[in-house]
Amino acid sequence: MTRVNIPKQTTNTKMTIEKEYAIAFLKIFDKRTDDLMIMQEEMMKLQQELFHEKWKFRHVSRLLKAHAPNEAVSEEELIQTIKDTDITDG
C-alpha cells in the first residue's frame, strides 16, 4: 500500500446553529466559568491558610529549639533520637 500526499482542501464554511442552541450554550458556558472562578477563589484561600499553618509550625519549632534544643521537633529527629537511645536486652 503506497501513500499519496494529497493537498488539504480548505474551505471557509460557516457553522450554523439555531439561536436557542447558541443561547443555551452561552448560559452553560457562563455558569461553568462562574463555577471555575469560585473554585479558584476557594483554592487561593486554602493555599493562604496552608501557608500560615506552615509558618506557625516553623515559628513554634524555632521557639522549641531555642528553649529545649535536645527535644525532637520532626518525625525524623524523633526516630534518630529513639535509635540513639535504644537499649536492647541482648
N, C-alpha and C. Protein backbone atom coordinates (compact mmCIF):
# COMPACT_ATOMS: atom_id res chain seq x y z
N MET A 1 0.85 -1.17 0.00
CA MET A 1 0.00 0.00 0.00
C MET A 1 0.90 1.23 0.00
N THR A 2 0.72 2.08 -0.93
CA THR A 2 1.51 3.30 -1.01
C THR A 2 0.65 4.49 -0.63
N ARG A 3 1.31 5.43 -0.02
CA ARG A 3 0.60 6.65 0.39
C ARG A 3 0.86 7.75 -0.63
N VAL A 4 -0.16 8.47 -0.89
CA VAL A 4 -0.05 9.58 -1.82
C VAL A 4 -0.38 10.85 -1.05
N ASN A 5 0.49 11.82 -1.15
CA ASN A 5 0.24 13.09 -0.48
C ASN A 5 -0.78 13.89 -1.27
N ILE A 6 -1.90 14.11 -0.64
CA ILE A 6 -2.96 14.88 -1.28
C ILE A 6 -3.05 16.21 -0.52
N PRO A 7 -2.98 17.32 -1.22
CA PRO A 7 -3.07 18.61 -0.52
C PRO A 7 -4.44 18.77 0.15
N LYS A 8 -4.41 19.38 1.31
CA LYS A 8 -5.65 19.61 2.05
C LYS A 8 -6.51 20.63 1.31
N GLN A 9 -7.77 20.33 1.30
CA GLN A 9 -8.70 21.29 0.71
C GLN A 9 -9.31 22.09 1.85
N THR A 10 -9.05 23.34 1.87
CA THR A 10 -9.60 24.19 2.91
C THR A 10 -10.72 25.03 2.33
N THR A 11 -11.79 25.04 3.04
CA THR A 11 -12.92 25.87 2.62
C THR A 11 -13.32 26.74 3.79
N ASN A 12 -13.82 27.87 3.49
CA ASN A 12 -14.28 28.79 4.52
C ASN A 12 -15.78 28.60 4.68
N THR A 13 -16.13 27.57 5.43
CA THR A 13 -17.55 27.32 5.64
C THR A 13 -17.92 27.79 7.04
N LYS A 14 -19.12 28.28 7.16
CA LYS A 14 -19.62 28.71 8.46
C LYS A 14 -20.44 27.60 9.07
N MET A 15 -20.28 27.47 10.38
CA MET A 15 -21.10 26.51 11.09
C MET A 15 -22.34 27.25 11.57
N THR A 16 -23.47 26.77 11.24
CA THR A 16 -24.69 27.45 11.65
C THR A 16 -25.43 26.60 12.68
N ILE A 17 -25.85 27.26 13.74
CA ILE A 17 -26.66 26.61 14.76
C ILE A 17 -27.85 27.52 15.05
N GLU A 18 -28.85 26.92 15.59
CA GLU A 18 -30.04 27.71 15.87
C GLU A 18 -29.78 28.64 17.06
N LYS A 19 -30.52 29.72 17.09
CA LYS A 19 -30.35 30.74 18.11
C LYS A 19 -30.56 30.17 19.51
N GLU A 20 -31.53 29.29 19.71
CA GLU A 20 -31.83 28.72 21.03
C GLU A 20 -30.65 27.89 21.53
N TYR A 21 -30.04 27.13 20.60
CA TYR A 21 -28.87 26.32 20.99
C TYR A 21 -27.70 27.20 21.37
N ALA A 22 -27.51 28.27 20.64
CA ALA A 22 -26.41 29.19 20.94
C ALA A 22 -26.62 29.84 22.30
N ILE A 23 -27.84 30.25 22.59
CA ILE A 23 -28.14 30.87 23.89
C ILE A 23 -27.95 29.86 25.01
N ALA A 24 -28.41 28.62 24.80
CA ALA A 24 -28.24 27.58 25.82
C ALA A 24 -26.77 27.31 26.06
N PHE A 25 -25.99 27.24 24.99
CA PHE A 25 -24.54 27.02 25.11
C PHE A 25 -23.89 28.14 25.91
N LEU A 26 -24.24 29.37 25.61
CA LEU A 26 -23.65 30.51 26.31
C LEU A 26 -24.02 30.53 27.80
N LYS A 27 -25.26 30.13 28.11
CA LYS A 27 -25.67 30.06 29.52
C LYS A 27 -24.86 29.02 30.27
N ILE A 28 -24.70 27.85 29.64
CA ILE A 28 -23.91 26.79 30.26
C ILE A 28 -22.46 27.23 30.42
N PHE A 29 -21.91 27.84 29.38
CA PHE A 29 -20.53 28.31 29.41
C PHE A 29 -20.35 29.36 30.52
N ASP A 30 -21.31 30.27 30.65
CA ASP A 30 -21.25 31.30 31.69
C ASP A 30 -21.30 30.67 33.08
N LYS A 31 -22.17 29.70 33.27
CA LYS A 31 -22.29 29.02 34.57
C LYS A 31 -20.99 28.31 34.93
N ARG A 32 -20.41 27.59 33.96
CA ARG A 32 -19.16 26.87 34.21
C ARG A 32 -18.01 27.84 34.50
N THR A 33 -18.01 28.98 33.82
CA THR A 33 -16.98 29.98 34.08
C THR A 33 -17.12 30.54 35.50
N ASP A 34 -18.35 30.82 35.92
CA ASP A 34 -18.57 31.29 37.28
C ASP A 34 -18.15 30.24 38.31
N ASP A 35 -18.48 28.97 38.05
CA ASP A 35 -18.06 27.89 38.96
C ASP A 35 -16.55 27.81 39.05
N LEU A 36 -15.87 27.95 37.92
CA LEU A 36 -14.41 27.90 37.90
C LEU A 36 -13.82 29.05 38.72
N MET A 37 -14.37 30.23 38.58
CA MET A 37 -13.87 31.38 39.34
C MET A 37 -14.06 31.17 40.84
N ILE A 38 -15.20 30.62 41.23
CA ILE A 38 -15.46 30.36 42.65
C ILE A 38 -14.47 29.31 43.17
N MET A 39 -14.22 28.26 42.39
CA MET A 39 -13.27 27.23 42.82
C MET A 39 -11.86 27.79 42.94
N GLN A 40 -11.48 28.67 42.03
CA GLN A 40 -10.16 29.28 42.10
C GLN A 40 -10.01 30.15 43.34
N GLU A 41 -11.06 30.89 43.68
CA GLU A 41 -11.03 31.71 44.90
C GLU A 41 -10.89 30.84 46.14
N GLU A 42 -11.64 29.74 46.19
CA GLU A 42 -11.55 28.82 47.32
C GLU A 42 -10.16 28.20 47.42
N MET A 43 -9.59 27.85 46.27
CA MET A 43 -8.26 27.26 46.27
C MET A 43 -7.22 28.25 46.77
N MET A 44 -7.37 29.51 46.38
CA MET A 44 -6.44 30.53 46.86
C MET A 44 -6.56 30.71 48.37
N LYS A 45 -7.78 30.64 48.91
CA LYS A 45 -7.98 30.74 50.35
C LYS A 45 -7.30 29.58 51.06
N LEU A 46 -7.47 28.37 50.51
CA LEU A 46 -6.85 27.19 51.12
C LEU A 46 -5.32 27.28 51.06
N GLN A 47 -4.80 27.77 49.96
CA GLN A 47 -3.35 27.93 49.85
C GLN A 47 -2.84 28.94 50.88
N GLN A 48 -3.58 30.01 51.08
CA GLN A 48 -3.19 31.02 52.07
C GLN A 48 -3.22 30.44 53.48
N GLU A 49 -4.27 29.65 53.78
CA GLU A 49 -4.36 29.01 55.09
C GLU A 49 -3.21 28.04 55.31
N LEU A 50 -2.87 27.26 54.28
CA LEU A 50 -1.76 26.32 54.38
C LEU A 50 -0.45 27.06 54.62
N PHE A 51 -0.24 28.16 53.92
CA PHE A 51 0.97 28.95 54.11
C PHE A 51 1.08 29.41 55.56
N HIS A 52 -0.02 29.91 56.13
CA HIS A 52 0.01 30.40 57.50
C HIS A 52 0.22 29.27 58.50
N GLU A 53 -0.37 28.10 58.24
CA GLU A 53 -0.16 26.96 59.13
C GLU A 53 1.30 26.53 59.11
N LYS A 54 1.89 26.50 57.92
CA LYS A 54 3.32 26.14 57.82
C LYS A 54 4.17 27.17 58.55
N TRP A 55 3.82 28.45 58.39
CA TRP A 55 4.58 29.50 59.06
C TRP A 55 4.49 29.34 60.57
N LYS A 56 3.27 29.05 61.08
CA LYS A 56 3.10 28.88 62.53
C LYS A 56 3.93 27.71 63.02
N PHE A 57 3.94 26.61 62.28
CA PHE A 57 4.73 25.44 62.70
C PHE A 57 6.21 25.78 62.73
N ARG A 58 6.70 26.46 61.69
CA ARG A 58 8.12 26.83 61.68
C ARG A 58 8.45 27.74 62.86
N HIS A 59 7.56 28.67 63.15
CA HIS A 59 7.79 29.60 64.26
C HIS A 59 7.83 28.84 65.60
N VAL A 60 6.86 27.96 65.82
CA VAL A 60 6.82 27.21 67.08
C VAL A 60 8.01 26.27 67.19
N SER A 61 8.40 25.64 66.08
CA SER A 61 9.55 24.74 66.14
C SER A 61 10.83 25.50 66.45
N ARG A 62 10.97 26.72 65.93
CA ARG A 62 12.15 27.53 66.26
C ARG A 62 12.14 27.91 67.74
N LEU A 63 10.96 28.27 68.26
CA LEU A 63 10.87 28.58 69.69
C LEU A 63 11.23 27.36 70.54
N LEU A 64 10.74 26.20 70.15
CA LEU A 64 11.04 24.98 70.88
C LEU A 64 12.53 24.68 70.84
N LYS A 65 13.15 24.83 69.69
CA LYS A 65 14.59 24.60 69.57
C LYS A 65 15.38 25.60 70.42
N ALA A 66 14.87 26.82 70.53
CA ALA A 66 15.57 27.82 71.33
C ALA A 66 15.48 27.49 72.82
N HIS A 67 14.33 26.98 73.28
CA HIS A 67 14.13 26.71 74.70
C HIS A 67 14.55 25.30 75.10
N ALA A 68 14.39 24.34 74.20
CA ALA A 68 14.77 22.97 74.52
C ALA A 68 15.45 22.37 73.29
N PRO A 69 16.74 22.63 73.13
CA PRO A 69 17.43 22.20 71.91
C PRO A 69 17.54 20.68 71.75
N ASN A 70 17.38 19.92 72.84
CA ASN A 70 17.52 18.47 72.74
C ASN A 70 16.21 17.77 72.39
N GLU A 71 15.11 18.48 72.37
CA GLU A 71 13.82 17.86 72.06
C GLU A 71 13.67 17.67 70.55
N ALA A 72 13.05 16.55 70.18
CA ALA A 72 12.82 16.26 68.77
C ALA A 72 11.60 17.04 68.28
N VAL A 73 11.75 17.72 67.17
CA VAL A 73 10.65 18.51 66.61
C VAL A 73 9.99 17.75 65.46
N SER A 74 10.79 17.15 64.59
CA SER A 74 10.23 16.45 63.44
C SER A 74 10.24 14.95 63.69
N GLU A 75 9.55 14.25 62.81
CA GLU A 75 9.48 12.79 62.93
C GLU A 75 10.87 12.18 62.72
N GLU A 76 11.65 12.74 61.80
CA GLU A 76 12.99 12.23 61.55
C GLU A 76 13.88 12.38 62.78
N GLU A 77 13.78 13.52 63.43
CA GLU A 77 14.56 13.74 64.65
C GLU A 77 14.14 12.78 65.75
N LEU A 78 12.85 12.52 65.85
CA LEU A 78 12.35 11.59 66.86
C LEU A 78 12.86 10.17 66.60
N ILE A 79 12.83 9.74 65.36
CA ILE A 79 13.33 8.41 65.01
C ILE A 79 14.82 8.31 65.32
N GLN A 80 15.57 9.35 64.98
CA GLN A 80 17.01 9.34 65.27
C GLN A 80 17.26 9.32 66.77
N THR A 81 16.48 10.05 67.53
CA THR A 81 16.63 10.07 68.98
C THR A 81 16.33 8.67 69.56
N ILE A 82 15.31 8.03 69.04
CA ILE A 82 14.95 6.69 69.50
C ILE A 82 16.08 5.72 69.15
N LYS A 83 16.63 5.83 67.96
CA LYS A 83 17.74 4.94 67.56
C LYS A 83 18.96 5.16 68.43
N ASP A 84 19.24 6.43 68.74
CA ASP A 84 20.43 6.74 69.55
C ASP A 84 20.28 6.25 70.99
N THR A 85 19.06 6.25 71.52
CA THR A 85 18.88 5.87 72.92
C THR A 85 18.30 4.46 73.08
N ASP A 86 18.22 3.72 71.98
CA ASP A 86 17.65 2.37 72.04
C ASP A 86 18.57 1.44 72.82
N ILE A 87 18.03 0.84 73.87
CA ILE A 87 18.78 -0.10 74.69
C ILE A 87 18.14 -1.46 74.49
N THR A 88 18.91 -2.39 73.99
CA THR A 88 18.36 -3.73 73.76
C THR A 88 18.89 -4.66 74.82
N ASP A 89 18.04 -5.55 75.22
CA ASP A 89 18.45 -6.59 76.17
C ASP A 89 19.01 -7.73 75.36
N GLY A 90 20.30 -7.82 75.27
CA GLY A 90 20.86 -8.82 74.40
C GLY A 90 21.70 -9.75 75.05
